[in-house]
Amino acid sequence: MNCRAGCGACCIAPSIASPIPGMPQGKPAGVRCVQLTEDNRCRLFGQRERPAVCVRLRPEAEMCGQNAEQALAWLSDLERVTRPEAAS
């Protein structure tokens, strides 16, 4: 499956602990990555500076849903239930 053009949900919903160019401390969940363009495309796609977690993330039908709103909701829920505090 290929990414849906202009979605950007995976660049907004999850937290990223590793440094991102322009976000040296990573990014909190729900915060738009600074590398996400206005039309929701990754400026780092295919670049070596792209965080490993982003490189490893592969779109799947369940994660992406039918539209960007469904993808954002699914990824936000996943982030919420996998937070360290949620496991306690």
C-alpha atoms as a PDB file:
ATOM      1  CA  MET A   1       0.000   0.000   0.000  1.00  0.00           C
ATOM      2  CA  ASN A   2       1.224   3.516  -0.776  1.00  0.00           C
ATOM      3  CA  CYS A   3       0.728   6.577   1.379  1.00  0.00           C
ATOM      4  CA  ARG A   4      -2.324   8.686   0.622  1.00  0.00           C
ATOM      5  CA  ALA A   5      -1.092  11.929  -0.923  1.00  0.00           C
ATOM      6  CA  GLY A   6      -1.657  14.870   1.375  1.00  0.00           C
ATOM      7  CA  CYS A   7      -2.627  12.813   4.445  1.00  0.00           C
ATOM      8  CA  GLY A   8       0.153  13.596   6.956  1.00  0.00           C
ATOM      9  CA  ALA A   9      -1.522  11.768   9.863  1.00  0.00           C
ATOM     10  CA  CYS A  10       1.669   9.845  10.687  1.00  0.00           C
ATOM     11  CA  CYS A  11       3.508  13.189  10.914  1.00  0.00           C
ATOM     12  CA  ILE A  12       1.005  14.594  13.407  1.00  0.00           C
ATOM     13  CA  ALA A  13      -0.487  11.893  15.663  1.00  0.00           C
ATOM     14  CA  PRO A  14       2.504   9.961  17.004  1.00  0.00           C
ATOM     15  CA  SER A  15       5.211  11.156  19.318  1.00  0.00           C
ATOM     16  CA  ILE A  16       8.744  10.828  17.972  1.00  0.00           C
ATOM     17  CA  ALA A  17      11.508  10.554  20.558  1.00  0.00           C
ATOM     18  CA  SER A  18      14.452  10.860  18.171  1.00  0.00           C
ATOM     19  CA  PRO A  19      15.720  14.203  16.853  1.00  0.00           C
ATOM     20  CA  ILE A  20      14.156  15.622  13.712  1.00  0.00           C
ATOM     21  CA  PRO A  21      15.787  18.482  11.795  1.00  0.00           C
ATOM     22  CA  GLY A  22      14.137  21.555  13.294  1.00  0.00           C
ATOM     23  CA  MET A  23      12.891  19.561  16.309  1.00  0.00           C
ATOM     24  CA  PRO A  24      16.058  18.399  18.111  1.00  0.00           C
ATOM     25  CA  GLN A  25      14.082  16.992  21.058  1.00  0.00           C
ATOM     26  CA  GLY A  26      11.737  15.035  18.787  1.00  0.00           C
ATOM     27  CA  LYS A  27       8.041  15.782  18.678  1.00  0.00           C
ATOM     28  CA  PRO A  28       5.148  15.272  21.085  1.00  0.00           C
ATOM     29  CA  ALA A  29       2.028  13.391  20.051  1.00  0.00           C
ATOM     30  CA  GLY A  30      -0.534  15.546  18.281  1.00  0.00           C
ATOM     31  CA  VAL A  31       2.000  18.174  17.240  1.00  0.00           C
ATOM     32  CA  ARG A  32       2.558  18.748  13.555  1.00  0.00           C
ATOM     33  CA  CYS A  33       6.129  17.912  12.505  1.00  0.00           C
ATOM     34  CA  VAL A  34       8.027  20.976  11.268  1.00  0.00           C
ATOM     35  CA  GLN A  35       9.086  18.932   8.235  1.00  0.00           C
ATOM     36  CA  LEU A  36       5.468  18.493   7.107  1.00  0.00           C
ATOM     37  CA  THR A  37       4.647  20.835   4.221  1.00  0.00           C
ATOM     38  CA  GLU A  38       1.447  22.857   3.908  1.00  0.00           C
ATOM     39  CA  ASP A  39       0.068  20.162   1.593  1.00  0.00           C
ATOM     40  CA  ASN A  40       0.970  17.459   4.158  1.00  0.00           C
ATOM     41  CA  ARG A  41       4.032  15.979   2.503  1.00  0.00           C
ATOM     42  CA  CYS A  42       7.274  15.104   4.270  1.00  0.00           C
ATOM     43  CA  ARG A  43      10.237  17.303   3.332  1.00  0.00           C
ATOM     44  CA  LEU A  44      12.569  14.536   4.564  1.00  0.00           C
ATOM     45  CA  PHE A  45      11.047  11.642   2.616  1.00  0.00           C
ATOM     46  CA  GLY A  46      13.918   9.704   1.052  1.00  0.00           C
ATOM     47  CA  GLN A  47      16.541  11.776   2.902  1.00  0.00           C
ATOM     48  CA  ARG A  48      19.060  10.319   5.340  1.00  0.00           C
ATOM     49  CA  GLU A  49      17.975  12.850   8.018  1.00  0.00           C
ATOM     50  CA  ARG A  50      14.531  11.260   8.192  1.00  0.00           C
ATOM     51  CA  PRO A  51      14.084   9.571  11.606  1.00  0.00           C
ATOM     52  CA  ALA A  52      14.362   5.775  11.606  1.00  0.00           C
ATOM     53  CA  VAL A  53      10.882   5.430  13.115  1.00  0.00           C
ATOM     54  CA  CYS A  54       9.474   7.264  10.101  1.00  0.00           C
ATOM     55  CA  VAL A  55      11.459   5.144   7.655  1.00  0.00           C
ATOM     56  CA  ARG A  56      10.161   1.930   9.280  1.00  0.00           C
ATOM     57  CA  LEU A  57       6.502   2.978   9.404  1.00  0.00           C
ATOM     58  CA  ARG A  58       4.609   1.388   6.524  1.00  0.00           C
ATOM     59  CA  PRO A  59       1.056   2.344   5.548  1.00  0.00           C
ATOM     60  CA  GLU A  60      -1.555  -0.368   6.024  1.00  0.00           C
ATOM     61  CA  ALA A  61      -5.282  -0.317   5.322  1.00  0.00           C
ATOM     62  CA  GLU A  62      -6.253  -0.492   9.016  1.00  0.00           C
ATOM     63  CA  MET A  63      -3.960   2.399   9.945  1.00  0.00           C
ATOM     64  CA  CYS A  64      -4.837   4.614   6.996  1.00  0.00           C
ATOM     65  CA  GLY A  65      -8.600   4.078   6.912  1.00  0.00           C
ATOM     66  CA  GLN A  66     -10.618   5.666   4.136  1.00  0.00           C
ATOM     67  CA  ASN A  67      -9.294   9.211   4.592  1.00  0.00           C
ATOM     68  CA  ALA A  68      -6.851  11.392   6.505  1.00  0.00           C
ATOM     69  CA  GLU A  69      -9.313  11.977   9.363  1.00  0.00           C
ATOM     70  CA  GLN A  70      -9.666   8.225   9.958  1.00  0.00           C
ATOM     71  CA  ALA A  71      -5.897   7.780   9.816  1.00  0.00           C
ATOM     72  CA  LEU A  72      -5.373  10.590  12.330  1.00  0.00           C
ATOM     73  CA  ALA A  73      -7.977   9.094  14.678  1.00  0.00           C
ATOM     74  CA  TRP A  74      -6.486   5.565  14.445  1.00  0.00           C
ATOM     75  CA  LEU A  75      -2.921   6.747  15.004  1.00  0.00           C
ATOM     76  CA  SER A  76      -4.000   9.051  17.856  1.00  0.00           C
ATOM     77  CA  ASP A  77      -5.758   6.138  19.572  1.00  0.00           C
ATOM     78  CA  LEU A  78      -2.696   3.936  19.091  1.00  0.00           C
ATOM     79  CA  GLU A  79      -0.468   6.641  20.578  1.00  0.00           C
ATOM     80  CA  ARG A  80      -2.834   7.019  23.544  1.00  0.00           C
ATOM     81  CA  VAL A  81      -3.016   3.307  24.395  1.00  0.00           C
ATOM     82  CA  THR A  82       0.727   2.745  24.018  1.00  0.00           C
ATOM     83  CA  ARG A  83       1.882   5.669  26.158  1.00  0.00           C
ATOM     84  CA  PRO A  84       3.973   4.453  29.099  1.00  0.00           C
ATOM     85  CA  GLU A  85       1.394   5.943  31.516  1.00  0.00           C
ATOM     86  CA  ALA A  86      -1.371   3.967  29.777  1.00  0.00           C
ATOM     87  CA  ALA A  87       0.444   0.695  30.444  1.00  0.00           C
ATOM     88  CA  SER A  88       0.463   1.304  34.204  1.00  0.00           C
END
